[in-house]
Amino acid sequence: MSTKRFLPLLWILPVFLVVSLACSATGSTTPPPAEPAVTQAPAQVLPEEPAATEPIAAVETAAPLQSGSISSLSDVEKAVVRIVAEGSFVDPEVGWVVDVGASGTGFIIDPSGIAVTNNHVVTGAALLRVYINGEDRPRNAKILGVSECSDLAVIDIDGDGFPYLDWHEGEIKVGLKVYAAGFPLGDPNFTLTDGIVSKSSADGETSWASVDSVIEHSAKINPGNSGGPLVDEDGKVVGVNYAVVSSTDQNFAIQTQDAVRVINQLRVGTDVDSIGVNGGAVYGEVSGLPIYGVWVRSVASGSPADKALIKPGDIIYEIEGKPVAQDGTMADYCDVIRSRRSTATMSLTVIRFNDLSLLEGQLNGRELEVIGFFTGEEATSTGSTPSGDVLEYYDDTSTIYVQVPGDWTDYDGGQWIYDGEVIGVAISVAPNLNDYWDYWDASGLFFGASDTFARYGGYVQFLDYYTSDYRSGCTLGGRNDYNDGLYKGKYDFYYNCGGPGGYDAYVLSAVDIQAPTSSIIILLIQVPKGDEDTIILIWDSFLVGEM
């Protein structure tokens, strides 16, 4: 018995905003398949330009590189690099594009060769060739970390002792004189264009990224400028260029304040708001059926997306039961990813475009499996249950989030009250909350977050306060350090709660590593003896949003 293979056509819908990726690429070395493909919208990739792809060999320099911070506009070129990211991907407009070299820009921020560029320049590439000012042949580079939602990436270029750029300090005001540096249109010659900041805080939602606030400026950028620096008159980086609206001559850069926060995590090897895809929002019609989602152009090997068996050419249709890209942007997709840790289990619904098969599975969980074919009726929310044995909860203000076992259905998302005063938000959840509050041998969780803790003390003081009750009903197993990459603090472990052989209890007090004064976190967890799986589930999933 054979399965009928669909060759769908996606009709182009009107585009309400044409924002272009500021990178360029060569054409394919082999013809793409003669098969219709979806159209990416509202972002469109502008016509691509050839990029030089000489074999990597010993570096020849016109003059020895001199390490040091760039302090003048005339020297910016020394720290700006051209990046050719070679590999194969599936384009939503032309299909398979094999063995191409996408050309973008980057800039060095550390003499050891640490450089910044855009996620859409490098993710999914087989290799990176980096051309440095004054050198005839490219150097190798490796990707340290990426953020697909912030469209940022950090790479490490072979070598040492490089000139580098520092960050602009101070407020970025309208009228600030700025310059866009890079290698537009695949041209190996360095380009510098001038302009001013025309808007200090613009909308950063596009079809390939979701940045809360970006700089709009008039320093002209083109495909190939992606990942290049926007600098001031002293050569200091004001932003990272990533998008342009050519028809209205609007140019956009990710502002320094947001970029540095993400880059500091990427350079130590931590991906941020990423599942490992280089993709973009698409929408249109297939055989009269509406279709939308995040088109996957390429997948990073070893990433959560790769392990879930997502393939180039797939369309991520729903994530955690939430339909994505219905408005032509990555906003909903990135909001879901940002509300979870990279290790959290997330449900997926994927359309495999070559035959319109429908697949379901999980990130960091079950691999994708075919469950049928796309009918246009699948975009329905699955509620708050990402899988059959796990529940997810937010507090009443949607500020904090956590996952718990599937039988913990008694929930309260009210306030955190300390010493008779409301100091924050809280989640209380258990199979039975009355039992949890009244008995040592009952499962449950209290999770609180407060932005006013400084009036009362640090996380150690809060830990001491909240563990005092446990000392009367449990045996203390010890105090331990806690650090999961996002939060740090200490926790006390108790056993024999309620008597010999009784329940275990974990009391954790922590703060955000990047913003330790923003809030304090308390988790009080009771579980059956030895139930470490529940502890790992809770600790791997709890998150605190902006308070």
Protein backbone atom coordinates (compact mmCIF):
# COMPACT_ATOMS: atom_id res chain seq x y z
CA MET A 1 0.00 0.00 0.00
CA SER A 2 1.43 3.37 -0.96
CA THR A 3 0.88 6.80 0.50
CA LYS A 4 -0.10 9.63 -1.79
CA ARG A 5 2.55 12.34 -1.80
CA PHE A 6 1.34 15.92 -1.81
CA LEU A 7 3.07 18.67 -3.78
CA PRO A 8 1.40 21.64 -2.11
CA LEU A 9 1.42 25.21 -3.29
CA LEU A 10 1.40 27.98 -0.69
CA TRP A 11 -0.30 31.06 -2.05
CA ILE A 12 1.37 34.31 -1.04
CA LEU A 13 -0.75 36.42 1.29
CA PRO A 14 -0.46 40.23 1.50
CA VAL A 15 2.59 41.35 3.48
CA PHE A 16 1.94 44.10 6.02
CA LEU A 17 5.62 44.75 6.75
CA VAL A 18 8.60 43.88 4.59
CA VAL A 19 11.61 43.59 6.87
CA SER A 20 14.66 42.04 5.27
CA LEU A 21 17.43 39.97 6.75
CA ALA A 22 20.63 41.94 6.46
CA CYS A 23 22.72 39.00 5.25
CA SER A 24 23.53 37.65 1.79
CA ALA A 25 24.39 34.26 0.31
CA THR A 26 25.59 32.45 -2.77
CA GLY A 27 23.32 30.44 -5.02
CA SER A 28 23.15 26.66 -4.79
CA THR A 29 25.84 24.53 -6.38
CA THR A 30 23.13 21.98 -7.28
CA PRO A 31 19.66 22.79 -8.62
CA PRO A 32 16.83 22.96 -6.07
CA PRO A 33 13.97 20.50 -6.56
CA ALA A 34 11.19 21.56 -8.91
CA GLU A 35 8.69 21.73 -6.08
CA PRO A 36 6.65 24.70 -4.78
CA ALA A 37 7.58 25.94 -1.34
CA VAL A 38 6.10 28.26 1.26
CA THR A 39 6.70 31.97 1.27
CA GLN A 40 8.35 33.57 4.27
CA ALA A 41 6.47 36.58 5.63
CA PRO A 42 6.42 39.32 6.73
CA ALA A 43 10.22 39.10 6.45
CA GLN A 44 11.70 38.51 3.03
CA VAL A 45 15.27 37.52 2.28
CA LEU A 46 16.60 39.98 -0.29
CA PRO A 47 18.42 38.75 -3.43
CA GLU A 48 21.59 37.02 -2.37
CA GLU A 49 25.10 37.78 -3.53
CA PRO A 50 28.07 35.46 -4.06
CA ALA A 51 30.51 35.19 -1.18
CA ALA A 52 34.16 34.28 -1.61
CA THR A 53 34.84 30.72 -0.45
CA GLU A 54 38.57 30.11 -0.76
CA PRO A 55 39.91 26.98 0.94
CA ILE A 56 41.07 27.58 4.49
CA ALA A 57 44.84 27.65 4.60
CA ALA A 58 47.66 29.21 6.54
CA VAL A 59 46.86 32.81 7.38
CA GLU A 60 48.80 35.41 5.43
CA THR A 61 48.77 38.89 6.84
CA ALA A 62 49.53 42.18 5.20
CA ALA A 63 50.84 43.43 8.52
CA PRO A 64 50.98 41.96 12.02
CA LEU A 65 47.75 42.40 14.01
CA GLN A 66 48.09 44.67 16.99
CA SER A 67 45.88 43.88 19.96
CA GLY A 68 44.06 46.61 21.79
CA SER A 69 40.76 48.42 22.16
CA ILE A 70 39.69 50.50 19.16
CA SER A 71 39.34 54.15 20.13
CA SER A 72 38.69 55.90 16.82
CA LEU A 73 36.28 55.57 13.94
CA SER A 74 39.14 55.23 11.45
CA ASP A 75 40.34 52.03 13.18
CA VAL A 76 36.95 50.27 13.40
CA GLU A 77 37.72 48.26 10.25
CA LYS A 78 40.48 46.41 12.10
CA ALA A 79 37.97 44.71 14.42
CA VAL A 80 35.16 44.05 11.92
CA VAL A 81 35.13 40.66 10.17
CA ARG A 82 33.38 39.12 7.18
CA ILE A 83 31.80 35.73 7.91
CA VAL A 84 30.98 33.12 5.28
CA ALA A 85 28.85 30.37 6.83
CA GLU A 86 28.85 27.36 4.52
CA GLY A 87 26.32 24.56 4.57
CA SER A 88 22.99 23.36 3.18
CA PHE A 89 19.48 24.43 4.13
CA VAL A 90 15.88 24.39 2.94
CA ASP A 91 14.59 27.77 1.82
CA PRO A 92 10.81 28.38 1.97
CA GLU A 93 10.82 29.95 -1.50
CA VAL A 94 13.19 27.76 -3.53
CA GLY A 95 13.52 24.49 -1.60
CA TRP A 96 16.86 22.76 -0.98
CA VAL A 97 19.92 24.98 -1.30
CA VAL A 98 23.05 22.84 -1.13
CA ASP A 99 26.62 23.78 -0.18
CA VAL A 100 26.24 27.56 -0.15
CA GLY A 101 28.14 30.29 1.62
CA ALA A 102 25.92 32.84 3.40
CA SER A 103 27.83 36.07 3.92
CA GLY A 104 27.40 38.23 6.99
CA THR A 105 29.40 40.52 9.26
CA GLY A 106 30.72 40.25 12.79
CA PHE A 107 32.93 42.22 15.16
CA ILE A 108 35.57 41.22 17.69
CA ILE A 109 34.91 42.12 21.34
CA ASP A 110 37.89 40.42 22.98
CA PRO A 111 41.58 40.10 21.98
CA SER A 112 41.26 36.30 22.20
CA GLY A 113 39.06 36.31 19.09
CA ILE A 114 35.60 36.35 20.66
CA ALA A 115 33.26 37.94 18.11
CA VAL A 116 29.57 38.83 17.83
CA THR A 117 27.25 38.25 14.86
CA ASN A 118 23.62 37.27 14.19
CA ASN A 119 22.09 33.85 14.83
CA HIS A 120 20.65 33.77 11.32
CA VAL A 121 24.17 34.12 9.89
CA VAL A 122 25.70 31.05 11.56
CA THR A 123 23.19 28.56 13.03
CA GLY A 124 23.07 25.30 11.10
CA ALA A 125 26.25 26.03 9.13
CA ALA A 126 28.72 23.22 8.51
CA LEU A 127 31.73 25.54 8.83
CA LEU A 128 32.59 29.21 9.27
CA ARG A 129 35.21 31.07 7.28
CA VAL A 130 36.16 34.39 8.86
CA TYR A 131 38.01 37.06 6.92
CA ILE A 132 39.95 39.55 9.03
CA ASN A 133 41.21 42.95 7.93
CA GLY A 134 44.62 42.73 6.25
CA GLU A 135 44.57 38.95 5.78
CA ASP A 136 44.34 37.17 2.43
CA ARG A 137 42.86 33.88 3.60
CA PRO A 138 40.07 33.04 6.04
CA ARG A 139 40.38 31.67 9.54
CA ASN A 140 38.27 28.96 11.12
CA ALA A 141 35.86 29.83 13.90
CA LYS A 142 33.57 27.87 16.17
CA ILE A 143 30.16 28.82 17.53
CA LEU A 144 30.15 29.31 21.31
CA GLY A 145 26.47 30.17 21.82
CA VAL A 146 23.39 31.39 19.98
CA SER A 147 20.06 33.05 20.71
CA GLU A 148 17.57 32.50 17.92
CA CYS A 149 14.95 34.77 19.51
CA SER A 150 17.39 37.64 20.10
CA ASP A 151 19.14 36.91 16.76
CA LEU A 152 22.58 36.98 18.36
CA ALA A 153 25.52 34.59 18.23
CA VAL A 154 29.05 34.55 19.64
CA ILE A 155 31.91 32.83 17.82
CA ASP A 156 35.55 32.16 18.69
CA ILE A 157 38.00 32.91 15.86
CA ASP A 158 41.24 30.94 15.65
CA GLY A 159 44.17 33.01 16.89
CA ASP A 160 44.86 35.60 19.54
CA GLY A 161 45.93 39.21 19.99
CA PHE A 162 43.18 40.85 17.93
CA PRO A 163 42.07 44.49 17.95
CA TYR A 164 38.57 44.70 19.45
CA LEU A 165 35.61 47.04 19.93
CA ASP A 166 34.25 48.31 23.23
CA TRP A 167 30.60 49.06 23.99
CA HIS A 168 29.07 52.53 23.92
CA GLU A 169 28.31 53.79 27.42
CA GLY A 170 25.51 56.14 28.29
CA GLU A 171 22.03 56.76 26.96
CA ILE A 172 21.33 56.22 23.28
CA LYS A 173 19.46 59.36 22.26
CA VAL A 174 17.67 60.34 19.09
CA GLY A 175 20.08 62.31 16.90
CA LEU A 176 23.21 60.43 18.02
CA LYS A 177 25.66 60.24 15.11
CA VAL A 178 26.20 56.59 14.15
CA TYR A 179 27.99 54.53 11.50
CA ALA A 180 27.14 51.07 10.12
CA ALA A 181 30.24 48.96 9.51
CA GLY A 182 30.37 45.74 7.53
CA PHE A 183 30.51 43.88 4.23
CA PRO A 184 27.16 44.33 2.44
CA LEU A 185 26.09 42.47 -0.71
CA GLY A 186 28.86 39.87 -0.40
CA ASP A 187 31.51 42.48 -1.26
CA PRO A 188 34.84 41.68 0.43
CA ASN A 189 35.59 45.42 0.64
CA PHE A 190 34.82 47.06 3.98
CA THR A 191 31.97 49.61 3.97
CA LEU A 192 31.10 52.36 6.42
CA THR A 193 27.87 54.38 6.11
CA ASP A 194 26.80 57.25 8.31
CA GLY A 195 23.51 58.38 9.81
CA ILE A 196 21.78 59.20 13.07
CA VAL A 197 19.62 57.37 15.58
CA SER A 198 16.12 58.19 14.39
CA LYS A 199 14.27 56.23 17.09
CA SER A 200 15.88 54.99 20.29
CA SER A 201 13.26 52.31 20.95
CA ALA A 202 11.50 50.67 18.00
CA ASP A 203 9.49 47.46 17.60
CA GLY A 204 11.86 44.51 17.19
CA GLU A 205 9.35 41.81 16.14
CA THR A 206 10.29 40.23 12.80
CA SER A 207 9.68 36.94 11.02
CA TRP A 208 13.03 35.53 12.22
CA ALA A 209 13.53 37.07 15.70
CA SER A 210 11.68 38.63 18.61
CA VAL A 211 13.58 41.52 20.18
CA ASP A 212 11.67 43.68 22.65
CA SER A 213 13.29 46.95 21.67
CA VAL A 214 15.71 47.94 18.90
CA ILE A 215 17.33 51.09 17.53
CA GLU A 216 16.06 52.58 14.28
CA HIS A 217 18.75 54.52 12.42
CA SER A 218 19.53 56.07 9.04
CA ALA A 219 23.01 54.58 8.46
CA LYS A 220 22.28 52.51 5.35
CA ILE A 221 22.63 48.72 5.67
CA ASN A 222 22.10 45.96 3.08
CA PRO A 223 22.18 42.16 2.96
CA GLY A 224 25.63 41.20 4.22
CA ASN A 225 25.57 43.77 7.04
CA SER A 226 23.92 41.24 9.37
CA GLY A 227 25.78 40.99 12.67
CA GLY A 228 27.91 44.05 12.00
CA PRO A 229 28.37 46.85 14.51
CA LEU A 230 26.60 50.19 14.62
CA VAL A 231 29.25 52.47 16.15
CA ASP A 232 29.49 56.03 17.42
CA GLU A 233 32.08 58.64 16.42
CA ASP A 234 34.60 57.10 18.85
CA GLY A 235 34.23 53.62 17.39
CA LYS A 236 32.19 52.29 20.31
CA VAL A 237 29.40 49.80 19.60
CA VAL A 238 25.91 51.27 19.89
CA GLY A 239 24.07 48.23 18.50
CA VAL A 240 24.21 45.07 16.37
CA ASN A 241 22.70 45.54 12.89
CA TYR A 242 20.16 42.88 11.92
CA ALA A 243 17.29 44.21 9.74
CA VAL A 244 16.34 46.75 7.09
CA VAL A 245 13.17 47.97 5.39
CA SER A 246 14.60 49.03 2.02
CA SER A 247 11.41 50.62 0.70
CA THR A 248 11.37 53.20 3.49
CA ASP A 249 15.13 53.26 4.16
CA GLN A 250 14.67 52.15 7.77
CA ASN A 251 17.59 50.33 9.36
CA PHE A 252 17.54 48.47 12.67
CA ALA A 253 20.10 47.40 15.27
CA ILE A 254 19.77 45.44 18.52
CA GLN A 255 20.65 47.96 21.18
CA THR A 256 23.71 47.49 23.37
CA GLN A 257 21.88 47.09 26.69
CA ASP A 258 19.86 44.11 25.47
CA ALA A 259 22.70 42.66 23.39
CA VAL A 260 25.34 42.64 26.14
CA ARG A 261 23.05 40.82 28.58
CA VAL A 262 22.59 37.98 26.09
CA ILE A 263 26.17 38.02 24.74
CA ASN A 264 27.64 37.55 28.22
CA GLN A 265 25.79 34.22 28.44
CA LEU A 266 26.57 33.15 24.87
CA ARG A 267 30.32 33.66 25.19
CA VAL A 268 30.55 31.12 28.04
CA GLY A 269 28.76 28.50 25.97
CA THR A 270 25.17 28.97 27.11
CA ASP A 271 22.50 29.17 24.41
CA VAL A 272 19.71 31.64 25.22
CA ASP A 273 16.08 31.30 24.11
CA SER A 274 17.02 28.70 21.52
CA ILE A 275 16.00 25.19 20.55
CA GLY A 276 18.60 24.94 17.78
CA VAL A 277 16.85 26.07 14.60
CA ASN A 278 17.53 28.76 12.04
CA GLY A 279 13.99 29.61 11.01
CA GLY A 280 11.36 32.18 10.25
CA ALA A 281 7.62 32.74 10.31
CA VAL A 282 5.62 31.72 7.23
CA TYR A 283 1.93 31.83 6.40
CA GLY A 284 -0.35 31.28 3.42
CA GLU A 285 -2.56 28.56 1.92
CA VAL A 286 -1.96 24.97 0.85
CA SER A 287 -4.66 23.42 -1.36
CA GLY A 288 -7.09 25.97 0.04
CA LEU A 289 -6.11 25.27 3.68
CA PRO A 290 -4.54 27.97 5.89
CA ILE A 291 -1.04 27.12 7.03
CA TYR A 292 1.39 29.05 9.22
CA GLY A 293 4.22 28.37 11.63
CA VAL A 294 7.99 28.62 11.96
CA TRP A 295 9.78 27.33 8.86
CA VAL A 296 12.99 25.47 9.75
CA ARG A 297 15.79 26.38 7.32
CA SER A 298 18.47 24.42 9.18
CA VAL A 299 19.02 22.60 12.46
CA ALA A 300 22.07 22.71 14.74
CA SER A 301 23.47 19.22 15.37
CA GLY A 302 23.00 17.99 18.93
CA SER A 303 20.43 20.68 19.77
CA PRO A 304 17.03 19.95 21.38
CA ALA A 305 15.45 20.40 17.93
CA ASP A 306 17.86 17.88 16.40
CA LYS A 307 17.25 15.34 19.17
CA ALA A 308 13.48 15.72 18.71
CA LEU A 309 14.05 14.81 15.00
CA ILE A 310 13.01 18.21 13.59
CA LYS A 311 14.34 18.45 10.02
CA PRO A 312 15.07 21.32 7.63
CA GLY A 313 11.87 22.07 5.72
CA ASP A 314 9.61 21.30 8.70
CA ILE A 315 7.08 23.86 9.93
CA ILE A 316 6.77 24.15 13.72
CA TYR A 317 3.00 24.56 13.97
CA GLU A 318 2.37 24.46 17.72
CA ILE A 319 4.63 24.53 20.75
CA GLU A 320 3.20 23.65 24.16
CA GLY A 321 -0.22 23.64 22.48
CA LYS A 322 0.21 27.26 21.40
CA PRO A 323 -0.20 27.98 17.64
CA VAL A 324 2.75 30.10 16.51
CA ALA A 325 3.48 32.70 13.82
CA GLN A 326 -0.18 33.45 13.12
CA ASP A 327 0.73 37.15 12.91
CA GLY A 328 3.75 36.53 10.67
CA THR A 329 6.28 37.10 13.47
CA MET A 330 8.23 34.95 15.92
CA ALA A 331 6.65 36.67 18.95
CA ASP A 332 4.44 33.81 20.22
CA TYR A 333 7.08 31.17 19.47
CA CYS A 334 9.73 33.09 21.43
CA ASP A 335 7.36 33.94 24.30
CA VAL A 336 6.82 30.21 24.89
CA ILE A 337 10.55 29.43 24.72
CA ARG A 338 11.42 32.33 27.04
CA SER A 339 8.98 31.06 29.67
CA ARG A 340 10.92 27.82 30.03
CA ARG A 341 14.47 26.63 30.55
CA SER A 342 16.42 25.04 27.75
CA THR A 343 16.16 21.65 29.51
CA ALA A 344 12.38 21.80 30.01
CA THR A 345 10.14 19.33 28.19
CA MET A 346 7.92 21.09 25.62
CA SER A 347 5.27 19.54 23.39
CA LEU A 348 5.52 20.05 19.61
CA THR A 349 3.25 19.76 16.62
CA VAL A 350 5.14 19.83 13.32
CA ILE A 351 4.06 19.80 9.67
CA ARG A 352 6.51 17.97 7.39
CA PHE A 353 6.07 20.08 4.27
CA ASN A 354 7.20 17.61 1.61
CA ASP A 355 4.11 15.40 2.14
CA LEU A 356 2.03 17.40 4.68
CA SER A 357 2.37 14.68 7.30
CA LEU A 358 1.60 15.83 10.85
CA LEU A 359 3.98 14.89 13.65
CA GLU A 360 3.81 15.20 17.42
CA GLY A 361 6.53 14.86 20.02
CA GLN A 362 8.51 16.83 22.56
CA LEU A 363 11.63 18.88 22.95
CA ASN A 364 13.79 17.22 25.62
CA GLY A 365 11.38 14.29 25.60
CA ARG A 366 9.65 12.02 23.09
CA GLU A 367 10.90 12.07 19.50
CA LEU A 368 8.51 13.27 16.79
CA GLU A 369 6.17 10.62 15.36
CA VAL A 370 3.72 10.82 12.46
CA ILE A 371 0.11 10.95 13.68
CA GLY A 372 -1.64 11.73 10.40
CA PHE A 373 -1.79 14.47 7.78
CA PHE A 374 -2.37 18.21 7.99
CA THR A 375 -6.06 19.15 7.59
CA GLY A 376 -6.03 22.79 8.69
CA GLU A 377 -7.90 22.03 11.92
CA GLU A 378 -5.04 21.14 14.26
CA ALA A 379 -4.32 24.61 15.71
CA THR A 380 -6.07 24.17 19.04
CA SER A 381 -4.59 24.73 22.46
CA THR A 382 -4.00 21.68 24.65
CA GLY A 383 -4.40 23.68 27.85
CA SER A 384 -1.89 23.47 30.70
CA THR A 385 -0.75 19.85 30.37
CA PRO A 386 2.43 19.45 28.28
CA SER A 387 2.36 15.67 28.71
CA GLY A 388 0.25 13.07 30.45
CA ASP A 389 2.22 13.04 33.71
CA VAL A 390 3.27 16.69 34.01
CA LEU A 391 1.26 19.85 34.74
CA GLU A 392 2.41 23.46 34.36
CA TYR A 393 1.22 26.40 36.46
CA TYR A 394 1.54 30.19 36.50
CA ASP A 395 0.59 32.44 39.40
CA ASP A 396 -2.45 34.71 39.02
CA THR A 397 -0.32 37.48 37.47
CA SER A 398 1.59 35.12 35.09
CA THR A 399 4.88 36.27 36.65
CA ILE A 400 6.20 32.91 37.87
CA TYR A 401 5.97 29.44 36.32
CA VAL A 402 6.67 25.86 37.36
CA GLN A 403 6.04 22.24 36.28
CA VAL A 404 4.85 19.57 38.73
CA PRO A 405 3.66 15.93 38.62
CA GLY A 406 0.36 15.32 36.84
CA ASP A 407 -1.57 14.41 40.03
CA TRP A 408 -0.79 17.75 41.71
CA THR A 409 -4.09 19.36 40.75
CA ASP A 410 -4.98 21.39 43.88
CA TYR A 411 -3.68 24.88 43.05
CA ASP A 412 -3.57 28.43 44.47
CA GLY A 413 -1.82 31.21 42.51
CA GLY A 414 -2.24 34.02 45.03
CA GLN A 415 0.11 36.36 46.86
CA TRP A 416 3.27 35.75 48.87
CA ILE A 417 2.69 37.06 52.38
CA TYR A 418 5.61 37.46 54.77
CA ASP A 419 5.26 38.74 58.32
CA GLY A 420 1.71 39.86 57.58
CA GLU A 421 2.64 41.89 54.48
CA VAL A 422 2.20 41.13 50.78
CA ILE A 423 5.74 41.03 49.35
CA GLY A 424 5.32 39.14 46.08
CA VAL A 425 3.61 36.42 44.07
CA ALA A 426 3.29 32.73 44.83
CA ILE A 427 2.16 29.33 43.62
CA SER A 428 0.94 26.66 46.04
CA VAL A 429 0.16 23.29 44.45
CA ALA A 430 -0.27 19.72 45.71
CA PRO A 431 -2.46 16.66 45.33
CA ASN A 432 -4.29 18.13 48.32
CA LEU A 433 -3.21 21.54 49.63
CA ASN A 434 -4.81 21.10 53.04
CA ASP A 435 -2.82 17.91 53.58
CA TYR A 436 0.36 19.60 52.34
CA TRP A 437 -0.01 22.47 54.82
CA ASP A 438 -1.07 20.23 57.72
CA TYR A 439 1.09 17.09 57.44
CA TRP A 440 4.75 16.26 56.96
CA ASP A 441 3.97 13.13 54.93
CA ALA A 442 2.10 14.86 52.10
CA SER A 443 3.45 16.02 48.74
CA GLY A 444 3.31 19.64 47.64
CA LEU A 445 5.08 22.86 46.70
CA PHE A 446 5.14 26.50 47.73
CA PHE A 447 6.95 28.74 45.23
CA GLY A 448 7.28 32.45 46.01
CA ALA A 449 9.10 35.38 44.39
CA SER A 450 9.49 38.86 45.88
CA ASP A 451 11.03 42.08 44.56
CA THR A 452 11.04 43.72 48.01
CA PHE A 453 13.33 41.27 49.82
CA ALA A 454 16.08 43.87 50.36
CA ARG A 455 14.08 45.32 53.25
CA TYR A 456 14.23 41.99 55.03
CA GLY A 457 17.55 40.41 54.12
CA GLY A 458 19.28 38.14 51.63
CA TYR A 459 18.48 34.61 50.51
CA VAL A 460 20.37 33.04 53.43
CA GLN A 461 18.21 34.93 55.93
CA PHE A 462 15.05 33.81 54.14
CA LEU A 463 16.30 30.23 54.06
CA ASP A 464 16.92 30.32 57.80
CA TYR A 465 13.42 31.67 58.38
CA TYR A 466 11.60 29.14 56.22
CA THR A 467 13.55 26.10 57.42
CA SER A 468 12.86 26.70 61.11
CA ASP A 469 9.56 24.78 60.96
CA TYR A 470 11.16 21.79 59.26
CA ARG A 471 13.68 21.37 62.06
CA SER A 472 10.83 20.38 64.39
CA GLY A 473 9.34 17.70 62.16
CA CYS A 474 12.26 16.41 60.05
CA THR A 475 15.93 15.46 60.25
CA LEU A 476 18.35 17.93 58.66
CA GLY A 477 20.51 16.32 55.99
CA GLY A 478 22.64 19.39 55.31
CA ARG A 479 22.85 22.76 53.57
CA ASN A 480 24.09 22.87 49.97
CA ASP A 481 24.96 25.42 47.29
CA TYR A 482 22.57 25.78 44.33
CA ASN A 483 23.41 27.05 40.83
CA ASP A 484 21.52 26.07 37.66
CA GLY A 485 22.96 28.75 35.38
CA LEU A 486 19.97 31.06 35.85
CA TYR A 487 19.58 31.15 39.63
CA LYS A 488 22.00 30.70 42.50
CA GLY A 489 21.44 30.25 46.21
CA LYS A 490 21.37 27.57 48.91
CA TYR A 491 19.02 24.77 49.88
CA ASP A 492 18.46 22.65 52.96
CA PHE A 493 17.65 18.95 52.58
CA TYR A 494 15.50 17.20 55.20
CA TYR A 495 14.52 13.54 55.57
CA ASN A 496 12.37 11.46 57.93
CA CYS A 497 9.71 14.17 57.81
CA GLY A 498 6.88 12.94 60.04
CA GLY A 499 8.99 10.16 61.51
CA PRO A 500 11.45 7.40 60.44
CA GLY A 501 10.99 6.46 56.80
CA GLY A 502 8.88 9.57 56.21
CA TYR A 503 8.92 12.14 53.45
CA ASP A 504 11.83 14.21 52.13
CA ALA A 505 11.77 18.02 52.05
CA TYR A 506 13.83 20.54 50.09
CA VAL A 507 13.89 24.22 51.00
CA LEU A 508 15.57 26.39 48.35
CA SER A 509 16.26 30.14 48.53
CA ALA A 510 17.85 31.76 45.48
CA VAL A 511 18.31 34.89 43.37
CA ASP A 512 18.72 35.61 39.66
CA ILE A 513 22.41 35.34 38.67
CA GLN A 514 22.24 38.19 36.15
CA ALA A 515 20.10 40.45 38.37
CA PRO A 516 20.59 39.32 41.98
CA THR A 517 18.77 42.33 43.46
CA SER A 518 15.65 41.96 41.27
CA SER A 519 13.89 39.33 43.37
CA ILE A 520 14.29 36.56 45.93
CA ILE A 521 12.92 33.08 45.34
CA ILE A 522 11.69 30.48 47.83
CA LEU A 523 10.68 26.89 47.02
CA LEU A 524 9.35 24.59 49.76
CA ILE A 525 8.97 21.06 48.38
CA GLN A 526 7.76 17.87 50.10
CA VAL A 527 7.96 14.53 48.27
CA PRO A 528 7.92 10.82 49.15
CA LYS A 529 11.27 9.44 50.29
CA GLY A 530 13.76 9.22 47.43
CA ASP A 531 11.51 10.94 44.84
CA GLU A 532 14.33 12.86 43.17
CA ASP A 533 12.51 12.92 39.80
CA THR A 534 9.95 15.39 41.15
CA ILE A 535 12.68 17.61 42.58
CA ILE A 536 14.51 17.64 39.23
CA LEU A 537 11.25 18.41 37.38
CA ILE A 538 10.54 21.42 39.61
CA TRP A 539 14.12 22.72 39.71
CA ASP A 540 14.52 22.37 35.93
CA SER A 541 11.30 24.27 35.18
CA PHE A 542 10.74 27.09 37.70
CA LEU A 543 11.10 30.58 36.25
CA VAL A 544 10.54 34.15 37.39
CA GLY A 545 9.53 36.84 34.90
CA GLU A 546 9.91 40.61 35.20
CA MET A 547 8.40 41.86 38.46
